[in-house]
C-alpha atoms as a PDB file:
ATOM      1  CA  MET A   1     192.561 341.541-174.457  1.00  0.00           C
ATOM      2  CA  SER A   2     189.600 340.805-172.181  1.00  0.00           C
ATOM      3  CA  GLU A   3     189.690 338.030-169.608  1.00  0.00           C
ATOM      4  CA  ASN A   4     187.143 335.218-169.978  1.00  0.00           C
ATOM      5  CA  LEU A   5     185.230 335.086-166.692  1.00  0.00           C
ATOM      6  CA  TYR A   6     183.830 331.638-167.511  1.00  0.00           C
ATOM      7  CA  ALA A   7     187.178 329.942-168.206  1.00  0.00           C
ATOM      8  CA  PRO A   8     188.477 327.415-165.663  1.00  0.00           C
ATOM      9  CA  PRO A   9     191.281 328.615-163.398  1.00  0.00           C
ATOM     10  CA  ALA A  10     194.718 328.579-164.993  1.00  0.00           C
ATOM     11  CA  THR A  11     196.364 327.204-161.862  1.00  0.00           C
ATOM     12  CA  PRO A  12     195.398 323.764-160.584  1.00  0.00           C
ATOM     13  CA  VAL A  13     193.093 323.778-157.595  1.00  0.00           C
ATOM     14  CA  ALA A  14     193.474 320.780-155.303  1.00  0.00           C
ATOM     15  CA  ASP A  15     193.064 319.749-151.741  1.00  0.00           C
ATOM     16  CA  THR A  16     196.779 319.426-151.068  1.00  0.00           C
ATOM     17  CA  GLU A  17     196.393 317.641-147.718  1.00  0.00           C
ATOM     18  CA  ARG A  18     194.066 314.988-149.191  1.00  0.00           C
ATOM     19  CA  ALA A  19     196.319 314.598-152.201  1.00  0.00           C
ATOM     20  CA  ALA A  20     199.322 314.153-149.922  1.00  0.00           C
ATOM     21  CA  ALA A  21     197.476 311.514-147.876  1.00  0.00           C
ATOM     22  CA  ALA A  22     196.454 309.658-151.039  1.00  0.00           C
ATOM     23  CA  GLY A  23     200.121 309.335-151.986  1.00  0.00           C
ATOM     24  CA  THR A  24     201.150 307.830-148.660  1.00  0.00           C
ATOM     25  CA  GLU A  25     202.399 304.314-148.060  1.00  0.00           C
ATOM     26  CA  PHE A  26     199.520 303.466-145.725  1.00  0.00           C
ATOM     27  CA  PHE A  27     195.898 304.530-145.239  1.00  0.00           C
ATOM     28  CA  VAL A  28     195.634 307.765-143.255  1.00  0.00           C
ATOM     29  CA  THR A  29     192.483 308.402-141.244  1.00  0.00           C
ATOM     30  CA  GLY A  30     191.450 309.938-137.964  1.00  0.00           C
ATOM     31  CA  THR A  31     191.098 307.535-135.063  1.00  0.00           C
ATOM     32  CA  THR A  32     187.732 308.995-134.014  1.00  0.00           C
ATOM     33  CA  LYS A  33     186.408 308.375-137.514  1.00  0.00           C
ATOM     34  CA  LEU A  34     187.818 304.840-137.411  1.00  0.00           C
ATOM     35  CA  VAL A  35     186.092 304.059-134.103  1.00  0.00           C
ATOM     36  CA  LEU A  36     182.769 305.586-135.160  1.00  0.00           C
ATOM     37  CA  LEU A  37     182.674 303.637-138.414  1.00  0.00           C
ATOM     38  CA  TYR A  38     183.877 300.450-136.728  1.00  0.00           C
ATOM     39  CA  PHE A  39     181.030 300.478-134.210  1.00  0.00           C
ATOM     40  CA  ALA A  40     178.442 301.765-136.692  1.00  0.00           C
ATOM     41  CA  THR A  41     179.160 298.865-139.039  1.00  0.00           C
ATOM     42  CA  LEU A  42     179.115 296.355-136.172  1.00  0.00           C
ATOM     43  CA  GLY A  43     182.763 295.515-136.727  1.00  0.00           C
ATOM     44  CA  MET A  44     182.654 295.257-140.537  1.00  0.00           C
ATOM     45  CA  TYR A  45     184.656 298.443-141.206  1.00  0.00           C
ATOM     46  CA  PRO A  46     188.033 296.642-140.958  1.00  0.00           C
ATOM     47  CA  LEU A  47     187.305 295.008-144.326  1.00  0.00           C
ATOM     48  CA  PHE A  48     187.488 298.448-145.945  1.00  0.00           C
ATOM     49  CA  TRP A  49     190.239 299.594-143.567  1.00  0.00           C
ATOM     50  CA  PHE A  50     192.565 296.690-144.348  1.00  0.00           C
ATOM     51  CA  TYR A  51     191.781 296.983-148.064  1.00  0.00           C
ATOM     52  CA  MET A  52     192.777 300.649-148.063  1.00  0.00           C
ATOM     53  CA  HIS A  53     196.015 299.980-146.180  1.00  0.00           C
ATOM     54  CA  TRP A  54     197.059 297.261-148.636  1.00  0.00           C
ATOM     55  CA  ALA A  55     195.905 299.220-151.689  1.00  0.00           C
ATOM     56  CA  ARG A  56     198.017 302.214-150.645  1.00  0.00           C
ATOM     57  CA  TYR A  57     200.945 299.940-149.826  1.00  0.00           C
ATOM     58  CA  ARG A  58     200.675 298.205-153.216  1.00  0.00           C
ATOM     59  CA  ARG A  59     200.559 301.509-155.104  1.00  0.00           C
ATOM     60  CA  PHE A  60     203.366 303.094-153.076  1.00  0.00           C
ATOM     61  CA  ARG A  61     205.687 300.077-153.264  1.00  0.00           C
ATOM     62  CA  ARG A  62     204.571 299.039-156.768  1.00  0.00           C
ATOM     63  CA  GLN A  63     204.111 295.473-155.619  1.00  0.00           C
ATOM     64  CA  ASN A  64     201.882 292.836-157.111  1.00  0.00           C
ATOM     65  CA  LEU A  65     199.529 291.896-154.296  1.00  0.00           C
ATOM     66  CA  TRP A  66     195.770 291.606-153.877  1.00  0.00           C
ATOM     67  CA  PRO A  67     194.433 294.099-151.321  1.00  0.00           C
ATOM     68  CA  ALA A  68     190.944 292.521-151.386  1.00  0.00           C
ATOM     69  CA  ALA A  69     192.297 289.083-150.464  1.00  0.00           C
ATOM     70  CA  ARG A  70     194.423 290.588-147.697  1.00  0.00           C
ATOM     71  CA  ALA A  71     191.367 292.395-146.347  1.00  0.00           C
ATOM     72  CA  LEU A  72     189.145 289.288-146.450  1.00  0.00           C
ATOM     73  CA  PHE A  73     191.807 287.172-144.770  1.00  0.00           C
ATOM     74  CA  ALA A  74     193.140 289.929-142.524  1.00  0.00           C
ATOM     75  CA  ILE A  75     194.038 287.591-139.676  1.00  0.00           C
ATOM     76  CA  PHE A  76     196.774 286.117-141.886  1.00  0.00           C
ATOM     77  CA  PHE A  77     198.201 289.487-142.940  1.00  0.00           C
ATOM     78  CA  THR A  78     197.844 291.712-139.852  1.00  0.00           C
ATOM     79  CA  HIS A  79     201.327 290.892-138.576  1.00  0.00           C
ATOM     80  CA  GLN A  80     202.829 291.749-141.949  1.00  0.00           C
ATOM     81  CA  LEU A  81     200.974 295.075-142.059  1.00  0.00           C
ATOM     82  CA  THR A  82     202.079 296.106-138.564  1.00  0.00           C
ATOM     83  CA  GLY A  83     205.628 294.991-139.393  1.00  0.00           C
ATOM     84  CA  GLU A  84     205.660 297.132-142.540  1.00  0.00           C
ATOM     85  CA  ILE A  85     204.330 300.133-140.598  1.00  0.00           C
ATOM     86  CA  ASP A  86     206.977 299.635-137.913  1.00  0.00           C
ATOM     87  CA  ASP A  87     209.715 299.261-140.542  1.00  0.00           C
ATOM     88  CA  ARG A  88     208.641 302.577-142.063  1.00  0.00           C
ATOM     89  CA  LEU A  89     208.721 304.284-138.669  1.00  0.00           C
ATOM     90  CA  ARG A  90     212.220 302.941-138.004  1.00  0.00           C
ATOM     91  CA  ARG A  91     213.543 303.906-141.470  1.00  0.00           C
ATOM     92  CA  ASP A  92     212.275 307.453-140.939  1.00  0.00           C
ATOM     93  CA  GLY A  93     213.689 307.610-137.409  1.00  0.00           C
ATOM     94  CA  LYS A  94     210.255 308.233-135.884  1.00  0.00           C
ATOM     95  CA  ARG A  95     209.894 307.040-132.316  1.00  0.00           C
ATOM     96  CA  HIS A  96     206.562 305.482-131.435  1.00  0.00           C
ATOM     97  CA  ALA A  97     205.853 303.485-128.294  1.00  0.00           C
ATOM     98  CA  TRP A  98     203.838 300.531-129.531  1.00  0.00           C
ATOM     99  CA  SER A  99     204.074 296.802-130.002  1.00  0.00           C
ATOM    100  CA  PRO A 100     203.418 295.908-133.639  1.00  0.00           C
ATOM    101  CA  GLY A 101     203.431 292.172-132.957  1.00  0.00           C
ATOM    102  CA  GLY A 102     201.399 292.532-129.770  1.00  0.00           C
ATOM    103  CA  ASN A 103     198.714 294.628-131.428  1.00  0.00           C
ATOM    104  CA  ALA A 104     198.536 292.280-134.405  1.00  0.00           C
ATOM    105  CA  THR A 105     198.326 289.183-132.179  1.00  0.00           C
ATOM    106  CA  ALA A 106     195.645 290.756-129.984  1.00  0.00           C
ATOM    107  CA  PHE A 107     193.606 291.703-133.059  1.00  0.00           C
ATOM    108  CA  VAL A 108     193.909 288.203-134.556  1.00  0.00           C
ATOM    109  CA  VAL A 109     193.064 286.343-131.317  1.00  0.00           C
ATOM    110  CA  LEU A 110     190.140 288.619-130.461  1.00  0.00           C
ATOM    111  CA  SER A 111     188.783 288.389-134.014  1.00  0.00           C
ATOM    112  CA  ILE A 112     188.947 284.592-133.977  1.00  0.00           C
ATOM    113  CA  VAL A 113     187.262 284.375-130.564  1.00  0.00           C
ATOM    114  CA  SER A 114     184.548 286.767-131.728  1.00  0.00           C
ATOM    115  CA  ALA A 115     183.976 284.769-134.930  1.00  0.00           C
ATOM    116  CA  ILE A 116     183.703 281.488-132.997  1.00  0.00           C
ATOM    117  CA  ALA A 117     181.354 282.990-130.396  1.00  0.00           C
ATOM    118  CA  SER A 118     179.100 284.451-133.081  1.00  0.00           C
ATOM    119  CA  ARG A 119     178.645 280.984-134.606  1.00  0.00           C
ATOM    120  CA  ILE A 120     177.491 279.331-131.402  1.00  0.00           C
ATOM    121  CA  PRO A 121     173.715 278.835-131.651  1.00  0.00           C
ATOM    122  CA  GLU A 122     171.678 281.417-129.789  1.00  0.00           C
ATOM    123  CA  GLY A 123     170.614 280.379-126.316  1.00  0.00           C
ATOM    124  CA  VAL A 124     173.361 277.788-125.793  1.00  0.00           C
ATOM    125  CA  SER A 125     175.349 280.196-123.665  1.00  0.00           C
ATOM    126  CA  LYS A 126     174.475 283.709-122.564  1.00  0.00           C
ATOM    127  CA  THR A 127     178.193 284.539-122.614  1.00  0.00           C
ATOM    128  CA  ALA A 128     178.536 283.392-126.222  1.00  0.00           C
ATOM    129  CA  ASP A 129     175.480 285.477-127.139  1.00  0.00           C
ATOM    130  CA  VAL A 130     177.032 288.748-125.923  1.00  0.00           C
ATOM    131  CA  LEU A 131     180.745 288.006-126.357  1.00  0.00           C
ATOM    132  CA  PRO A 132     180.989 289.305-129.965  1.00  0.00           C
ATOM    133  CA  PHE A 133     179.535 292.634-128.795  1.00  0.00           C
ATOM    134  CA  LEU A 134     181.839 292.771-125.766  1.00  0.00           C
ATOM    135  CA  LEU A 135     184.865 292.154-127.995  1.00  0.00           C
ATOM    136  CA  LEU A 136     184.080 295.120-130.261  1.00  0.00           C
ATOM    137  CA  ALA A 137     185.846 297.533-127.874  1.00  0.00           C
ATOM    138  CA  PRO A 138     189.150 295.639-127.464  1.00  0.00           C
ATOM    139  CA  ILE A 139     189.310 294.960-131.215  1.00  0.00           C
ATOM    140  CA  ALA A 140     188.723 298.666-131.875  1.00  0.00           C
ATOM    141  CA  TRP A 141     191.538 299.470-129.420  1.00  0.00           C
ATOM    142  CA  CYS A 142     193.927 297.277-131.461  1.00  0.00           C
ATOM    143  CA  LEU A 143     192.890 298.983-134.707  1.00  0.00           C
ATOM    144  CA  VAL A 144     193.335 302.449-133.179  1.00  0.00           C
ATOM    145  CA  ASN A 145     196.872 301.562-132.034  1.00  0.00           C
ATOM    146  CA  ILE A 146     197.754 300.322-135.514  1.00  0.00           C
ATOM    147  CA  GLN A 147     196.177 303.397-137.134  1.00  0.00           C
ATOM    148  CA  ARG A 148     198.083 305.812-134.893  1.00  0.00           C
ATOM    149  CA  ALA A 149     201.340 304.182-135.966  1.00  0.00           C
ATOM    150  CA  ALA A 150     200.308 304.249-139.649  1.00  0.00           C
ATOM    151  CA  ASN A 151     199.352 307.916-139.420  1.00  0.00           C
ATOM    152  CA  LEU A 152     202.699 308.764-137.838  1.00  0.00           C
ATOM    153  CA  ALA A 153     204.569 306.712-140.463  1.00  0.00           C
ATOM    154  CA  CYS A 154     202.805 308.724-143.178  1.00  0.00           C
ATOM    155  CA  GLY A 155     203.559 312.091-141.589  1.00  0.00           C
ATOM    156  CA  HIS A 156     200.009 312.808-140.429  1.00  0.00           C
ATOM    157  CA  PRO A 157     199.998 311.886-136.704  1.00  0.00           C
ATOM    158  CA  GLN A 158     196.418 313.042-136.159  1.00  0.00           C
ATOM    159  CA  GLY A 159     195.102 311.641-139.447  1.00  0.00           C
ATOM    160  CA  GLU A 160     194.026 315.163-140.345  1.00  0.00           C
ATOM    161  CA  PRO A 161     193.684 314.771-144.128  1.00  0.00           C
ATOM    162  CA  ASN A 162     191.016 312.094-143.651  1.00  0.00           C
ATOM    163  CA  GLY A 163     189.655 312.875-140.218  1.00  0.00           C
ATOM    164  CA  GLY A 164     186.322 314.391-141.200  1.00  0.00           C
ATOM    165  CA  LEU A 165     183.169 312.495-142.022  1.00  0.00           C
ATOM    166  CA  THR A 166     181.980 312.340-145.618  1.00  0.00           C
ATOM    167  CA  TRP A 167     178.372 311.922-146.764  1.00  0.00           C
ATOM    168  CA  ALA A 168     179.078 308.183-147.289  1.00  0.00           C
ATOM    169  CA  ASN A 169     180.359 307.955-143.711  1.00  0.00           C
ATOM    170  CA  TRP A 170     177.160 309.591-142.472  1.00  0.00           C
ATOM    171  CA  ILE A 171     175.061 307.044-144.364  1.00  0.00           C
ATOM    172  CA  TRP A 172     176.954 304.229-142.600  1.00  0.00           C
ATOM    173  CA  LEU A 173     176.584 305.971-139.235  1.00  0.00           C
ATOM    174  CA  VAL A 174     172.818 306.376-139.648  1.00  0.00           C
ATOM    175  CA  ALA A 175     172.419 302.774-140.840  1.00  0.00           C
ATOM    176  CA  GLY A 176     174.573 301.623-137.924  1.00  0.00           C
ATOM    177  CA  ALA A 177     172.494 303.583-135.430  1.00  0.00           C
ATOM    178  CA  ILE A 178     169.357 301.888-136.763  1.00  0.00           C
ATOM    179  CA  PHE A 179     170.994 298.459-136.462  1.00  0.00           C
ATOM    180  CA  TRP A 180     172.132 299.207-132.900  1.00  0.00           C
ATOM    181  CA  LEU A 181     168.617 300.338-131.941  1.00  0.00           C
ATOM    182  CA  LEU A 182     167.190 297.105-133.357  1.00  0.00           C
ATOM    183  CA  ILE A 183     169.773 295.047-131.463  1.00  0.00           C
ATOM    184  CA  LEU A 184     169.060 296.859-128.202  1.00  0.00           C
ATOM    185  CA  ALA A 185     165.317 296.516-128.738  1.00  0.00           C
ATOM    186  CA  GLY A 186     165.788 292.783-129.306  1.00  0.00           C
ATOM    187  CA  LEU A 187     167.837 292.450-126.120  1.00  0.00           C
ATOM    188  CA  PHE A 188     165.403 294.313-123.896  1.00  0.00           C
ATOM    189  CA  LEU A 189     162.053 293.262-125.325  1.00  0.00           C
ATOM    190  CA  VAL A 190     160.705 290.255-123.494  1.00  0.00           C
ATOM    191  CA  GLU A 191     158.877 287.656-125.517  1.00  0.00           C
ATOM    192  CA  PRO A 192     155.427 286.775-124.195  1.00  0.00           C
ATOM    193  CA  SER A 193     155.461 283.545-122.243  1.00  0.00           C
ATOM    194  CA  GLN A 194     154.140 280.454-123.997  1.00  0.00           C
ATOM    195  CA  ALA A 195     151.095 279.031-122.203  1.00  0.00           C
END
């Protein structure tokens, strides 16, 4: 009997690391990727990031919750997420030096301050004008700490199954670079004086 060269493989072919990460309790991703996408999207990436964490949690725990609502109103659910991650670490006996409540509180406070500062009319205060940009780094630091704990809780300490950049990630990075160039141009270009 001759073998059909055009038939699909008899054994399933799958990216086992990605499949394993998709079945985890929390969203697994590399911290470098997280930081790049966070800055490229001018701080909007946490909407997706929180959604993915809650979607994985919902699927893993088979709970009836709305990941989109928890992502939109993340400041109300960050403490619960970090608590769930910490509970998982403790149940599995994994030691991780972090403060789930401290990271969640820092994220919430910094996010609220950034949101308030971004709503102050331009020109009222130079500090208020730049504060949302200055707070990007400490907010990213909070997210990285939470992500490291989530990765460890899921058995992927380096976030290796989802550490590389996809074509969609590259689109966001390019768009983000253009936005950042426009912001920097706006900051450094001097308007002609009114006579």
